[in-house]
Amino acid sequence: MPGVVAGLLAVALGLWGMTVWWWSLVDVLRGIVPIVLVVVGVLSLAAGVSAVRKETGVKDKDVLGDEE
């Protein structure tokens, strides 16, 4: 029961804070969104490259040209 009360209190304070400091919240989001997009893009690129390498059977030594 205390967890439910704490959760409701947190939601109420969060909603109140969003309405009072709306433009500060917008400024934070304007700074965070590009960073998140870059991180997601890099992760997506790495996953795509990994999938293509797994599909084609290319290994690191094939790419780097190491002759062992």
N, C-alpha and C. Protein backbone atom coordinates (compact mmCIF):
# COMPACT_ATOMS: atom_id res chain seq x y z
N MET A 1 0.80 -1.21 0.00
CA MET A 1 0.00 0.00 0.00
C MET A 1 0.85 1.28 0.00
N PRO A 2 1.94 1.31 0.77
CA PRO A 2 2.77 2.52 0.73
C PRO A 2 3.37 2.76 -0.66
N GLY A 3 3.64 1.68 -1.40
CA GLY A 3 4.18 1.82 -2.75
C GLY A 3 3.18 2.47 -3.69
N VAL A 4 1.90 2.12 -3.53
CA VAL A 4 0.85 2.71 -4.37
C VAL A 4 0.72 4.20 -4.07
N VAL A 5 0.74 4.55 -2.80
CA VAL A 5 0.62 5.95 -2.40
C VAL A 5 1.83 6.74 -2.92
N ALA A 6 3.02 6.16 -2.78
CA ALA A 6 4.23 6.84 -3.26
C ALA A 6 4.17 7.00 -4.78
N GLY A 7 3.67 6.00 -5.49
CA GLY A 7 3.55 6.08 -6.94
C GLY A 7 2.57 7.16 -7.36
N LEU A 8 1.42 7.22 -6.71
CA LEU A 8 0.44 8.26 -7.02
C LEU A 8 0.99 9.65 -6.72
N LEU A 9 1.70 9.78 -5.62
CA LEU A 9 2.30 11.06 -5.27
C LEU A 9 3.35 11.47 -6.31
N ALA A 10 4.15 10.50 -6.76
CA ALA A 10 5.17 10.80 -7.76
C ALA A 10 4.53 11.22 -9.08
N VAL A 11 3.45 10.54 -9.48
CA VAL A 11 2.76 10.91 -10.72
C VAL A 11 2.17 12.31 -10.60
N ALA A 12 1.56 12.61 -9.48
CA ALA A 12 0.95 13.92 -9.28
C ALA A 12 2.02 15.02 -9.31
N LEU A 13 3.13 14.81 -8.61
CA LEU A 13 4.20 15.81 -8.61
C LEU A 13 4.84 15.93 -9.99
N GLY A 14 4.97 14.83 -10.70
CA GLY A 14 5.53 14.87 -12.05
C GLY A 14 4.64 15.65 -13.01
N LEU A 15 3.34 15.42 -12.94
CA LEU A 15 2.42 16.17 -13.80
C LEU A 15 2.42 17.65 -13.46
N TRP A 16 2.45 17.94 -12.18
CA TRP A 16 2.50 19.35 -11.75
C TRP A 16 3.79 20.00 -12.25
N GLY A 17 4.93 19.29 -12.12
CA GLY A 17 6.20 19.83 -12.58
C GLY A 17 6.23 20.05 -14.08
N MET A 18 5.60 19.13 -14.83
CA MET A 18 5.56 19.29 -16.28
C MET A 18 4.75 20.51 -16.69
N THR A 19 3.70 20.82 -15.96
CA THR A 19 2.88 21.98 -16.32
C THR A 19 3.56 23.28 -15.90
N VAL A 20 4.24 23.27 -14.76
CA VAL A 20 4.87 24.50 -14.27
C VAL A 20 6.13 24.82 -15.06
N TRP A 21 6.96 23.79 -15.33
CA TRP A 21 8.23 24.01 -16.01
C TRP A 21 8.22 23.43 -17.42
N TRP A 22 7.15 23.68 -18.17
CA TRP A 22 7.00 23.10 -19.49
C TRP A 22 8.15 23.47 -20.43
N TRP A 23 8.55 24.73 -20.46
CA TRP A 23 9.59 25.14 -21.42
C TRP A 23 10.95 24.60 -21.03
N SER A 24 11.20 24.39 -19.76
CA SER A 24 12.45 23.75 -19.35
C SER A 24 12.47 22.30 -19.80
N LEU A 25 11.33 21.64 -19.71
CA LEU A 25 11.22 20.26 -20.18
C LEU A 25 11.45 20.18 -21.69
N VAL A 26 10.90 21.13 -22.42
CA VAL A 26 11.09 21.17 -23.87
C VAL A 26 12.56 21.38 -24.20
N ASP A 27 13.25 22.25 -23.47
CA ASP A 27 14.67 22.48 -23.71
C ASP A 27 15.49 21.21 -23.47
N VAL A 28 15.17 20.48 -22.42
CA VAL A 28 15.87 19.23 -22.13
C VAL A 28 15.64 18.22 -23.24
N LEU A 29 14.39 18.10 -23.69
CA LEU A 29 14.09 17.16 -24.76
C LEU A 29 14.79 17.54 -26.06
N ARG A 30 14.89 18.84 -26.33
CA ARG A 30 15.58 19.30 -27.54
C ARG A 30 17.06 18.94 -27.49
N GLY A 31 17.62 18.81 -26.31
CA GLY A 31 19.01 18.40 -26.19
C GLY A 31 19.20 16.89 -26.19
N ILE A 32 18.24 16.17 -25.64
CA ILE A 32 18.38 14.72 -25.50
C ILE A 32 18.04 13.98 -26.80
N VAL A 33 17.04 14.43 -27.53
CA VAL A 33 16.58 13.71 -28.72
C VAL A 33 17.69 13.50 -29.75
N PRO A 34 18.49 14.50 -30.12
CA PRO A 34 19.55 14.24 -31.09
C PRO A 34 20.59 13.22 -30.60
N ILE A 35 20.91 13.27 -29.32
CA ILE A 35 21.87 12.33 -28.76
C ILE A 35 21.31 10.91 -28.83
N VAL A 36 20.05 10.74 -28.48
CA VAL A 36 19.42 9.43 -28.54
C VAL A 36 19.37 8.93 -29.98
N LEU A 37 19.08 9.80 -30.93
CA LEU A 37 19.05 9.40 -32.33
C LEU A 37 20.41 8.92 -32.81
N VAL A 38 21.47 9.60 -32.42
CA VAL A 38 22.82 9.17 -32.81
C VAL A 38 23.15 7.81 -32.21
N VAL A 39 22.85 7.61 -30.94
CA VAL A 39 23.15 6.34 -30.28
C VAL A 39 22.36 5.20 -30.92
N VAL A 40 21.06 5.42 -31.16
CA VAL A 40 20.23 4.40 -31.79
C VAL A 40 20.73 4.11 -33.21
N GLY A 41 21.14 5.12 -33.93
CA GLY A 41 21.66 4.93 -35.27
C GLY A 41 22.93 4.11 -35.29
N VAL A 42 23.84 4.38 -34.36
CA VAL A 42 25.09 3.61 -34.28
C VAL A 42 24.80 2.16 -33.92
N LEU A 43 23.91 1.93 -32.97
CA LEU A 43 23.55 0.56 -32.60
C LEU A 43 22.88 -0.17 -33.76
N SER A 44 22.01 0.51 -34.48
CA SER A 44 21.35 -0.09 -35.62
C SER A 44 22.35 -0.42 -36.72
N LEU A 45 23.28 0.47 -36.97
CA LEU A 45 24.32 0.23 -37.97
C LEU A 45 25.18 -0.97 -37.58
N ALA A 46 25.56 -1.06 -36.31
CA ALA A 46 26.36 -2.19 -35.85
C ALA A 46 25.59 -3.50 -35.98
N ALA A 47 24.31 -3.49 -35.65
CA ALA A 47 23.50 -4.71 -35.79
C ALA A 47 23.37 -5.11 -37.25
N GLY A 48 23.17 -4.14 -38.12
CA GLY A 48 23.05 -4.44 -39.55
C GLY A 48 24.34 -5.00 -40.13
N VAL A 49 25.47 -4.40 -39.78
CA VAL A 49 26.75 -4.88 -40.27
C VAL A 49 27.02 -6.28 -39.74
N SER A 50 26.71 -6.53 -38.49
CA SER A 50 26.90 -7.84 -37.89
C SER A 50 26.05 -8.89 -38.60
N ALA A 51 24.81 -8.55 -38.91
CA ALA A 51 23.92 -9.49 -39.59
C ALA A 51 24.42 -9.80 -40.99
N VAL A 52 24.90 -8.80 -41.71
CA VAL A 52 25.42 -9.03 -43.06
C VAL A 52 26.68 -9.88 -43.01
N ARG A 53 27.55 -9.62 -42.04
CA ARG A 53 28.77 -10.40 -41.92
C ARG A 53 28.46 -11.84 -41.57
N LYS A 54 27.46 -12.06 -40.72
CA LYS A 54 27.08 -13.41 -40.35
C LYS A 54 26.48 -14.15 -41.54
N GLU A 55 25.68 -13.44 -42.34
CA GLU A 55 25.04 -14.01 -43.52
C GLU A 55 26.06 -14.43 -44.57
N THR A 56 27.03 -13.57 -44.81
CA THR A 56 27.99 -13.84 -45.87
C THR A 56 29.18 -14.66 -45.41
N GLY A 57 29.37 -14.80 -44.10
CA GLY A 57 30.49 -15.59 -43.58
C GLY A 57 31.80 -14.85 -43.60
N VAL A 58 31.78 -13.53 -43.66
CA VAL A 58 33.01 -12.73 -43.66
C VAL A 58 33.56 -12.67 -42.25
N LYS A 59 34.88 -12.89 -42.11
CA LYS A 59 35.52 -12.84 -40.80
C LYS A 59 36.45 -11.63 -40.74
N ASP A 60 36.88 -11.28 -39.54
CA ASP A 60 37.75 -10.12 -39.36
C ASP A 60 39.03 -10.25 -40.17
N LYS A 61 39.62 -11.42 -40.19
CA LYS A 61 40.89 -11.56 -40.92
C LYS A 61 40.69 -11.42 -42.42
N ASP A 62 39.47 -11.71 -42.93
CA ASP A 62 39.18 -11.49 -44.35
C ASP A 62 39.13 -9.99 -44.65
N VAL A 63 38.57 -9.22 -43.75
CA VAL A 63 38.42 -7.78 -43.95
C VAL A 63 39.76 -7.07 -43.78
N LEU A 64 40.52 -7.46 -42.77
CA LEU A 64 41.77 -6.79 -42.45
C LEU A 64 42.92 -7.23 -43.34
N GLY A 65 42.80 -8.37 -43.99
CA GLY A 65 43.85 -8.83 -44.89
C GLY A 65 44.98 -9.53 -44.17
N ASP A 66 44.76 -10.01 -42.95
CA ASP A 66 45.81 -10.76 -42.23
C ASP A 66 45.97 -12.12 -42.88
N GLU A 67 47.22 -12.45 -43.16
CA GLU A 67 47.49 -13.75 -43.77
C GLU A 67 48.17 -14.62 -42.73
N GLU A 68 47.41 -15.47 -42.09
CA GLU A 68 47.97 -16.37 -41.07
C GLU A 68 47.81 -17.79 -41.49
